[in-house]
Amino acid sequence: MIFYKTEEEIELIRESSLLVAKTHAEMAKLIQPGVTTLELDKVAESFIRDHGGIRVLKAIMVF
């Protein structure tokens, strides 16, 4: 079954995708030897919240 998106849903997807792209760009400025993924995670979370986003998924993978 095919589900079509409404214009409102498409706009929400567009907005969230733009925030993700901006978050990636912000994190890219900080990536260098010695910076931990935990530090990057904190920056990403702050950036998302500061720009009106809500972080939906935060999973810790243990291998």
PDB file of N, CA and C in Angstrom:
ATOM      1  N   MET A   1       0.831  -1.162   0.000  1.00  0.00           N
ATOM      2  CA  MET A   1       0.000   0.000   0.000  1.00  0.00           C
ATOM      3  C   MET A   1       0.891   1.247   0.000  1.00  0.00           C
ATOM      4  N   ILE A   2       0.544   2.219  -0.776  1.00  0.00           N
ATOM      5  CA  ILE A   2       1.301   3.456  -0.873  1.00  0.00           C
ATOM      6  C   ILE A   2       0.609   4.533  -0.047  1.00  0.00           C
ATOM      7  N   PHE A   3       1.382   5.192   0.812  1.00  0.00           N
ATOM      8  CA  PHE A   3       0.864   6.296   1.609  1.00  0.00           C
ATOM      9  C   PHE A   3       1.463   7.593   1.081  1.00  0.00           C
ATOM     10  N   TYR A   4       0.634   8.506   0.699  1.00  0.00           N
ATOM     11  CA  TYR A   4       1.089   9.791   0.188  1.00  0.00           C
ATOM     12  C   TYR A   4       1.202  10.789   1.332  1.00  0.00           C
ATOM     13  N   LYS A   5       2.224  11.621   1.266  1.00  0.00           N
ATOM     14  CA  LYS A   5       2.431  12.653   2.280  1.00  0.00           C
ATOM     15  C   LYS A   5       1.622  13.896   1.924  1.00  0.00           C
ATOM     16  N   THR A   6       1.134  14.556   2.958  1.00  0.00           N
ATOM     17  CA  THR A   6       0.443  15.826   2.749  1.00  0.00           C
ATOM     18  C   THR A   6       1.500  16.923   2.598  1.00  0.00           C
ATOM     19  N   GLU A   7       1.085  18.088   2.150  1.00  0.00           N
ATOM     20  CA  GLU A   7       2.009  19.220   2.038  1.00  0.00           C
ATOM     21  C   GLU A   7       2.597  19.573   3.406  1.00  0.00           C
ATOM     22  N   GLU A   8       1.790  19.477   4.443  1.00  0.00           N
ATOM     23  CA  GLU A   8       2.259  19.773   5.795  1.00  0.00           C
ATOM     24  C   GLU A   8       3.326  18.773   6.240  1.00  0.00           C
ATOM     25  N   GLU A   9       3.105  17.504   5.949  1.00  0.00           N
ATOM     26  CA  GLU A   9       4.089  16.481   6.302  1.00  0.00           C
ATOM     27  C   GLU A   9       5.388  16.693   5.537  1.00  0.00           C
ATOM     28  N   ILE A  10       5.281  17.035   4.283  1.00  0.00           N
ATOM     29  CA  ILE A  10       6.470  17.283   3.467  1.00  0.00           C
ATOM     30  C   ILE A  10       7.251  18.474   4.019  1.00  0.00           C
ATOM     31  N   GLU A  11       6.557  19.509   4.434  1.00  0.00           N
ATOM     32  CA  GLU A  11       7.227  20.685   5.004  1.00  0.00           C
ATOM     33  C   GLU A  11       7.935  20.334   6.306  1.00  0.00           C
ATOM     34  N   LEU A  12       7.323  19.508   7.147  1.00  0.00           N
ATOM     35  CA  LEU A  12       7.970  19.075   8.391  1.00  0.00           C
ATOM     36  C   LEU A  12       9.225  18.256   8.100  1.00  0.00           C
ATOM     37  N   ILE A  13       9.155  17.400   7.107  1.00  0.00           N
ATOM     38  CA  ILE A  13      10.324  16.609   6.704  1.00  0.00           C
ATOM     39  C   ILE A  13      11.422  17.535   6.199  1.00  0.00           C
ATOM     40  N   ARG A  14      11.044  18.527   5.407  1.00  0.00           N
ATOM     41  CA  ARG A  14      12.005  19.493   4.872  1.00  0.00           C
ATOM     42  C   ARG A  14      12.700  20.252   6.010  1.00  0.00           C
ATOM     43  N   GLU A  15      11.926  20.721   6.973  1.00  0.00           N
ATOM     44  CA  GLU A  15      12.487  21.467   8.102  1.00  0.00           C
ATOM     45  C   GLU A  15      13.430  20.608   8.936  1.00  0.00           C
ATOM     46  N   SER A  16      13.028  19.385   9.216  1.00  0.00           N
ATOM     47  CA  SER A  16      13.875  18.519  10.031  1.00  0.00           C
ATOM     48  C   SER A  16      15.145  18.132   9.283  1.00  0.00           C
ATOM     49  N   SER A  17      15.040  17.928   7.986  1.00  0.00           N
ATOM     50  CA  SER A  17      16.220  17.598   7.183  1.00  0.00           C
ATOM     51  C   SER A  17      17.206  18.756   7.154  1.00  0.00           C
ATOM     52  N   LEU A  18      16.697  19.970   7.072  1.00  0.00           N
ATOM     53  CA  LEU A  18      17.556  21.151   7.090  1.00  0.00           C
ATOM     54  C   LEU A  18      18.275  21.272   8.431  1.00  0.00           C
ATOM     55  N   LEU A  19      17.579  21.001   9.514  1.00  0.00           N
ATOM     56  CA  LEU A  19      18.211  21.042  10.834  1.00  0.00           C
ATOM     57  C   LEU A  19      19.298  19.975  10.954  1.00  0.00           C
ATOM     58  N   VAL A  20      19.053  18.796  10.425  1.00  0.00           N
ATOM     59  CA  VAL A  20      20.067  17.735  10.449  1.00  0.00           C
ATOM     60  C   VAL A  20      21.299  18.175   9.664  1.00  0.00           C
ATOM     61  N   ALA A  21      21.099  18.759   8.490  1.00  0.00           N
ATOM     62  CA  ALA A  21      22.224  19.220   7.673  1.00  0.00           C
ATOM     63  C   ALA A  21      23.026  20.298   8.402  1.00  0.00           C
ATOM     64  N   LYS A  22      22.343  21.225   9.044  1.00  0.00           N
ATOM     65  CA  LYS A  22      23.026  22.282   9.796  1.00  0.00           C
ATOM     66  C   LYS A  22      23.784  21.697  10.990  1.00  0.00           C
ATOM     67  N   THR A  23      23.197  20.704  11.627  1.00  0.00           N
ATOM     68  CA  THR A  23      23.855  20.046  12.758  1.00  0.00           C
ATOM     69  C   THR A  23      25.121  19.348  12.296  1.00  0.00           C
ATOM     70  N   HIS A  24      25.052  18.650  11.172  1.00  0.00           N
ATOM     71  CA  HIS A  24      26.235  17.982  10.622  1.00  0.00           C
ATOM     72  C   HIS A  24      27.329  18.993  10.304  1.00  0.00           C
ATOM     73  N   ALA A  25      26.955  20.128   9.726  1.00  0.00           N
ATOM     74  CA  ALA A  25      27.935  21.163   9.389  1.00  0.00           C
ATOM     75  C   ALA A  25      28.600  21.715  10.650  1.00  0.00           C
ATOM     76  N   GLU A  26      27.816  21.918  11.687  1.00  0.00           N
ATOM     77  CA  GLU A  26      28.359  22.419  12.956  1.00  0.00           C
ATOM     78  C   GLU A  26      29.337  21.414  13.555  1.00  0.00           C
ATOM     79  N   MET A  27      28.979  20.148  13.510  1.00  0.00           N
ATOM     80  CA  MET A  27      29.849  19.105  14.056  1.00  0.00           C
ATOM     81  C   MET A  27      31.124  18.962  13.237  1.00  0.00           C
ATOM     82  N   ALA A  28      31.025  19.129  11.927  1.00  0.00           N
ATOM     83  CA  ALA A  28      32.189  18.990  11.050  1.00  0.00           C
ATOM     84  C   ALA A  28      33.278  19.998  11.409  1.00  0.00           C
ATOM     85  N   LYS A  29      32.886  21.155  11.917  1.00  0.00           N
ATOM     86  CA  LYS A  29      33.860  22.170  12.326  1.00  0.00           C
ATOM     87  C   LYS A  29      34.717  21.696  13.498  1.00  0.00           C
ATOM     88  N   LEU A  30      34.196  20.773  14.281  1.00  0.00           N
ATOM     89  CA  LEU A  30      34.856  20.346  15.516  1.00  0.00           C
ATOM     90  C   LEU A  30      35.636  19.048  15.384  1.00  0.00           C
ATOM     91  N   ILE A  31      35.430  18.343  14.299  1.00  0.00           N
ATOM     92  CA  ILE A  31      36.062  17.032  14.158  1.00  0.00           C
ATOM     93  C   ILE A  31      37.558  17.190  13.921  1.00  0.00           C
ATOM     94  N   GLN A  32      38.319  16.621  14.837  1.00  0.00           N
ATOM     95  CA  GLN A  32      39.774  16.609  14.733  1.00  0.00           C
ATOM     96  C   GLN A  32      40.296  15.551  15.697  1.00  0.00           C
ATOM     97  N   PRO A  33      41.547  15.160  15.549  1.00  0.00           N
ATOM     98  CA  PRO A  33      42.092  14.163  16.464  1.00  0.00           C
ATOM     99  C   PRO A  33      41.963  14.621  17.915  1.00  0.00           C
ATOM    100  N   GLY A  34      41.529  13.719  18.759  1.00  0.00           N
ATOM    101  CA  GLY A  34      41.406  14.004  20.181  1.00  0.00           C
ATOM    102  C   GLY A  34      40.006  14.379  20.637  1.00  0.00           C
ATOM    103  N   VAL A  35      39.134  14.741  19.697  1.00  0.00           N
ATOM    104  CA  VAL A  35      37.753  15.068  20.052  1.00  0.00           C
ATOM    105  C   VAL A  35      36.971  13.762  20.126  1.00  0.00           C
ATOM    106  N   THR A  36      36.325  13.529  21.246  1.00  0.00           N
ATOM    107  CA  THR A  36      35.609  12.266  21.419  1.00  0.00           C
ATOM    108  C   THR A  36      34.214  12.335  20.806  1.00  0.00           C
ATOM    109  N   THR A  37      33.673  11.174  20.548  1.00  0.00           N
ATOM    110  CA  THR A  37      32.309  11.120  20.032  1.00  0.00           C
ATOM    111  C   THR A  37      31.317  11.617  21.079  1.00  0.00           C
ATOM    112  N   LEU A  38      31.650  11.470  22.346  1.00  0.00           N
ATOM    113  CA  LEU A  38      30.782  11.994  23.405  1.00  0.00           C
ATOM    114  C   LEU A  38      30.716  13.521  23.336  1.00  0.00           C
ATOM    115  N   GLU A  39      31.853  14.162  23.096  1.00  0.00           N
ATOM    116  CA  GLU A  39      31.866  15.622  22.949  1.00  0.00           C
ATOM    117  C   GLU A  39      31.026  16.052  21.747  1.00  0.00           C
ATOM    118  N   LEU A  40      31.181  15.339  20.638  1.00  0.00           N
ATOM    119  CA  LEU A  40      30.399  15.652  19.442  1.00  0.00           C
ATOM    120  C   LEU A  40      28.914  15.445  19.698  1.00  0.00           C
ATOM    121  N   ASP A  41      28.586  14.409  20.438  1.00  0.00           N
ATOM    122  CA  ASP A  41      27.193  14.125  20.771  1.00  0.00           C
ATOM    123  C   ASP A  41      26.580  15.268  21.578  1.00  0.00           C
ATOM    124  N   LYS A  42      27.338  15.782  22.529  1.00  0.00           N
ATOM    125  CA  LYS A  42      26.847  16.898  23.350  1.00  0.00           C
ATOM    126  C   LYS A  42      26.631  18.150  22.508  1.00  0.00           C
ATOM    127  N   VAL A  43      27.561  18.414  21.592  1.00  0.00           N
ATOM    128  CA  VAL A  43      27.423  19.572  20.703  1.00  0.00           C
ATOM    129  C   VAL A  43      26.177  19.416  19.836  1.00  0.00           C
ATOM    130  N   ALA A  44      25.995  18.223  19.285  1.00  0.00           N
ATOM    131  CA  ALA A  44      24.833  17.976  18.423  1.00  0.00           C
ATOM    132  C   ALA A  44      23.534  18.165  19.195  1.00  0.00           C
ATOM    133  N   GLU A  45      23.482  17.622  20.388  1.00  0.00           N
ATOM    134  CA  GLU A  45      22.259  17.737  21.186  1.00  0.00           C
ATOM    135  C   GLU A  45      21.949  19.196  21.521  1.00  0.00           C
ATOM    136  N   SER A  46      22.956  19.945  21.914  1.00  0.00           N
ATOM    137  CA  SER A  46      22.758  21.369  22.224  1.00  0.00           C
ATOM    138  C   SER A  46      22.316  22.147  20.992  1.00  0.00           C
ATOM    139  N   PHE A  47      22.958  21.885  19.869  1.00  0.00           N
ATOM    140  CA  PHE A  47      22.630  22.592  18.631  1.00  0.00           C
ATOM    141  C   PHE A  47      21.182  22.328  18.228  1.00  0.00           C
ATOM    142  N   ILE A  48      20.787  21.074  18.303  1.00  0.00           N
ATOM    143  CA  ILE A  48      19.417  20.702  17.936  1.00  0.00           C
ATOM    144  C   ILE A  48      18.413  21.413  18.841  1.00  0.00           C
ATOM    145  N   ARG A  49      18.652  21.390  20.131  1.00  0.00           N
ATOM    146  CA  ARG A  49      17.727  22.042  21.076  1.00  0.00           C
ATOM    147  C   ARG A  49      17.712  23.559  20.901  1.00  0.00           C
ATOM    148  N   ASP A  50      18.895  24.150  20.677  1.00  0.00           N
ATOM    149  CA  ASP A  50      18.985  25.604  20.501  1.00  0.00           C
ATOM    150  C   ASP A  50      18.246  26.085  19.259  1.00  0.00           C
ATOM    151  N   HIS A  51      18.032  25.183  18.316  1.00  0.00           N
ATOM    152  CA  HIS A  51      17.356  25.540  17.070  1.00  0.00           C
ATOM    153  C   HIS A  51      15.929  24.989  17.005  1.00  0.00           C
ATOM    154  N   GLY A  52      15.372  24.698  18.175  1.00  0.00           N
ATOM    155  CA  GLY A  52      13.966  24.323  18.249  1.00  0.00           C
ATOM    156  C   GLY A  52      13.654  22.872  17.957  1.00  0.00           C
ATOM    157  N   GLY A  53      14.682  22.055  17.842  1.00  0.00           N
ATOM    158  CA  GLY A  53      14.453  20.645  17.559  1.00  0.00           C
ATOM    159  C   GLY A  53      14.316  19.827  18.826  1.00  0.00           C
ATOM    160  N   ILE A  54      13.805  18.642  18.665  1.00  0.00           N
ATOM    161  CA  ILE A  54      13.669  17.696  19.764  1.00  0.00           C
ATOM    162  C   ILE A  54      14.397  16.429  19.355  1.00  0.00           C
ATOM    163  N   ARG A  55      15.354  16.039  20.151  1.00  0.00           N
ATOM    164  CA  ARG A  55      16.097  14.827  19.846  1.00  0.00           C
ATOM    165  C   ARG A  55      15.218  13.631  20.182  1.00  0.00           C
ATOM    166  N   VAL A  56      14.935  12.835  19.188  1.00  0.00           N
ATOM    167  CA  VAL A  56      13.990  11.744  19.360  1.00  0.00           C
ATOM    168  C   VAL A  56      14.678  10.464  19.798  1.00  0.00           C
ATOM    169  N   LEU A  57      15.821  10.167  19.231  1.00  0.00           N
ATOM    170  CA  LEU A  57      16.466   8.886  19.488  1.00  0.00           C
ATOM    171  C   LEU A  57      17.868   9.103  20.025  1.00  0.00           C
ATOM    172  N   LYS A  58      18.140   8.487  21.137  1.00  0.00           N
ATOM    173  CA  LYS A  58      19.491   8.495  21.686  1.00  0.00           C
ATOM    174  C   LYS A  58      19.736   7.089  22.206  1.00  0.00           C
ATOM    175  N   ALA A  59      20.428   6.315  21.417  1.00  0.00           N
ATOM    176  CA  ALA A  59      20.672   4.921  21.770  1.00  0.00           C
ATOM    177  C   ALA A  59      22.149   4.716  22.069  1.00  0.00           C
ATOM    178  N   ILE A  60      22.423   3.878  23.026  1.00  0.00           N
ATOM    179  CA  ILE A  60      23.797   3.516  23.344  1.00  0.00           C
ATOM    180  C   ILE A  60      23.985   2.077  22.892  1.00  0.00           C
ATOM    181  N   MET A  61      24.901   1.910  21.970  1.00  0.00           N
ATOM    182  CA  MET A  61      25.167   0.575  21.444  1.00  0.00           C
ATOM    183  C   MET A  61      26.370  -0.007  22.183  1.00  0.00           C
ATOM    184  N   VAL A  62      26.223  -1.173  22.723  1.00  0.00           N
ATOM    185  CA  VAL A  62      27.316  -1.846  23.410  1.00  0.00           C
ATOM    186  C   VAL A  62      27.617  -3.125  22.647  1.00  0.00           C
ATOM    187  N   PHE A  63      28.848  -3.237  22.209  1.00  0.00           N
ATOM    188  CA  PHE A  63      29.253  -4.434  21.456  1.00  0.00           C
ATOM    189  C   PHE A  63      30.236  -5.230  22.249  1.00  0.00           C
TER     190      PHE A  63
END
